[in-house]
Amino acid sequence: MSYTLLINKNNKHHEVHSPSPEEIEGVIDSLIPVPYHYLILFSNDKLNHYIQTVATSDGSEKEIEYLVEIRFEYGKRPGENFDQYQYTTYNINILKRMFRMYALDVNPDISDWTDITEKIKNLPDIETQRAQLEEK
């Protein structure tokens, strides 16, 4: 299985093709709770299958919260037919394990995850969002 790690820091993208487990863990260790700082690990062999995470914080000195989403595409075109799930953890080691296993083609157990498929499907597409912003 072939994977690409997409890293976004300060709204600048960087791709790592066929990342090692150490590279993936290094990026996870560097996550900080600021806008536009996230990572996505996606399969190059499966249409739009990916796992992604972002670090969040309520601004206090509490632990960092990691919001994780996984998406499974089933259609012939991106966004045509998919399931998407969300999970939250404060444990960076759980997060690292999820990404490490995903890179080994082992999906996490999503029985405890929240199904956000309908929420995502009901979001307006980017063109509709732009038109709504221009109206304001």
Protein backbone atom coordinates (compact mmCIF):
# COMPACT_ATOMS: atom_id res chain seq x y z
CA MET A 1 0.00 0.00 0.00
CA SER A 2 1.29 3.46 -0.88
CA TYR A 3 0.52 6.55 1.21
CA THR A 4 1.12 10.28 1.07
CA LEU A 5 1.34 12.47 4.14
CA LEU A 6 -0.02 15.97 3.57
CA ILE A 7 1.12 18.48 6.16
CA ASN A 8 -0.39 21.95 6.38
CA LYS A 9 1.38 24.54 8.52
CA ASN A 10 0.39 28.20 8.34
CA ASN A 11 -1.67 27.44 5.24
CA LYS A 12 1.37 26.04 3.38
CA HIS A 13 1.20 22.47 2.12
CA HIS A 14 4.04 19.99 2.18
CA GLU A 15 3.78 16.39 0.93
CA VAL A 16 5.81 13.38 2.00
CA HIS A 17 5.40 10.39 -0.30
CA SER A 18 5.66 6.96 1.33
CA PRO A 19 6.41 8.39 4.79
CA SER A 20 8.13 6.23 7.37
CA PRO A 21 6.47 5.63 10.75
CA GLU A 22 9.09 7.92 12.28
CA GLU A 23 8.19 10.75 9.85
CA ILE A 24 4.49 10.37 10.66
CA GLU A 25 5.15 10.41 14.41
CA GLY A 26 7.46 13.41 14.07
CA VAL A 27 4.72 15.40 12.36
CA ILE A 28 2.20 14.36 15.02
CA ASP A 29 4.65 15.49 17.72
CA SER A 30 4.90 18.88 16.03
CA LEU A 31 1.13 19.55 15.93
CA ILE A 32 0.10 22.67 17.79
CA PRO A 33 -3.42 24.03 18.26
CA VAL A 34 -3.41 26.85 15.73
CA PRO A 35 -5.58 27.37 12.63
CA TYR A 36 -4.38 25.77 9.41
CA HIS A 37 -2.07 23.29 11.11
CA TYR A 38 -3.15 19.73 10.36
CA LEU A 39 -2.05 16.53 8.73
CA ILE A 40 -3.71 14.06 6.40
CA LEU A 41 -2.49 10.57 5.58
CA PHE A 42 -4.16 9.31 2.44
CA SER A 43 -3.95 6.14 0.46
CA ASN A 44 -2.59 6.41 -3.05
CA ASP A 45 -4.25 3.09 -3.90
CA LYS A 46 -7.80 3.68 -2.63
CA LEU A 47 -9.95 6.48 -3.95
CA ASN A 48 -10.02 9.25 -1.34
CA HIS A 49 -9.50 7.09 1.73
CA TYR A 50 -7.76 9.11 4.40
CA ILE A 51 -7.25 9.77 8.07
CA GLN A 52 -6.63 13.31 9.27
CA THR A 53 -6.06 15.15 12.51
CA VAL A 54 -5.88 18.64 13.93
CA ALA A 55 -4.81 19.76 17.41
CA THR A 56 -7.27 21.96 19.28
CA SER A 57 -7.26 23.78 22.60
CA ASP A 58 -9.66 25.92 24.56
CA GLY A 59 -6.84 28.41 25.21
CA SER A 60 -6.14 27.23 28.73
CA GLU A 61 -3.11 25.31 29.93
CA LYS A 62 -5.00 22.02 29.58
CA GLU A 63 -3.85 19.15 27.44
CA ILE A 64 -4.07 19.40 23.70
CA GLU A 65 -7.13 17.73 22.20
CA TYR A 66 -6.71 15.86 18.91
CA LEU A 67 -9.68 15.75 16.58
CA VAL A 68 -9.35 12.78 14.21
CA GLU A 69 -11.48 11.99 11.16
CA ILE A 70 -11.41 9.02 8.83
CA ARG A 71 -13.11 8.84 5.45
CA PHE A 72 -13.96 5.85 3.28
CA GLU A 73 -14.93 6.58 -0.34
CA TYR A 74 -17.02 4.10 -2.30
CA GLY A 75 -18.00 6.00 -5.45
CA LYS A 76 -16.18 6.34 -8.73
CA ARG A 77 -15.78 10.10 -8.23
CA PRO A 78 -14.56 11.91 -5.10
CA GLY A 79 -17.41 12.86 -2.79
CA GLU A 80 -19.91 10.69 -4.64
CA ASN A 81 -20.45 8.08 -1.95
CA PHE A 82 -18.57 7.99 1.35
CA ASP A 83 -18.69 7.44 5.09
CA GLN A 84 -16.86 9.78 7.46
CA TYR A 85 -16.27 9.34 11.19
CA GLN A 86 -14.84 11.54 13.93
CA TYR A 87 -13.00 10.76 17.16
CA THR A 88 -11.46 12.94 19.87
CA THR A 89 -8.53 12.01 22.09
CA TYR A 90 -6.13 13.77 24.45
CA ASN A 91 -3.67 10.88 24.19
CA ILE A 92 -0.99 11.51 21.59
CA ASN A 93 0.13 7.86 21.77
CA ILE A 94 -3.34 6.68 20.73
CA LEU A 95 -3.18 9.14 17.83
CA LYS A 96 0.26 7.91 16.77
CA ARG A 97 -0.91 4.30 16.90
CA MET A 98 -3.95 5.10 14.72
CA PHE A 99 -1.78 6.69 12.05
CA ARG A 100 0.90 4.00 12.26
CA MET A 101 -1.69 1.22 11.85
CA TYR A 102 -3.46 3.09 9.04
CA ALA A 103 -0.13 3.28 7.18
CA LEU A 104 0.04 -0.50 7.55
CA ASP A 105 -3.43 -0.72 5.94
CA VAL A 106 -5.18 -1.44 9.24
CA ASN A 107 -8.18 0.81 9.88
CA PRO A 108 -8.95 1.87 13.44
CA ASP A 109 -11.90 0.33 15.25
CA ILE A 110 -14.53 2.99 14.60
CA SER A 111 -17.22 1.53 16.87
CA ASP A 112 -16.67 4.41 19.37
CA TRP A 113 -16.41 7.09 16.67
CA THR A 114 -19.15 9.56 15.74
CA ASP A 115 -20.62 9.11 12.27
CA ILE A 116 -20.50 12.59 10.68
CA THR A 117 -21.31 11.45 7.15
CA GLU A 118 -24.65 13.26 6.86
CA LYS A 119 -23.24 16.40 8.45
CA ILE A 120 -20.42 16.47 5.87
CA LYS A 121 -22.72 15.63 2.95
CA ASN A 122 -25.00 18.52 3.91
CA LEU A 123 -22.21 21.09 3.85
CA PRO A 124 -22.43 23.38 0.82
CA ASP A 125 -19.79 22.85 -1.84
CA ILE A 126 -17.00 25.41 -2.16
CA GLU A 127 -18.70 27.36 -4.97
CA THR A 128 -21.88 27.74 -2.93
CA GLN A 129 -19.84 28.87 0.09
CA ARG A 130 -18.05 31.50 -2.01
CA ALA A 131 -21.34 32.81 -3.39
CA GLN A 132 -22.77 33.06 0.13
CA LEU A 133 -19.73 35.03 1.29
CA GLU A 134 -19.99 37.41 -1.67
CA GLU A 135 -23.64 38.12 -0.83
CA LYS A 136 -22.66 39.35 2.66
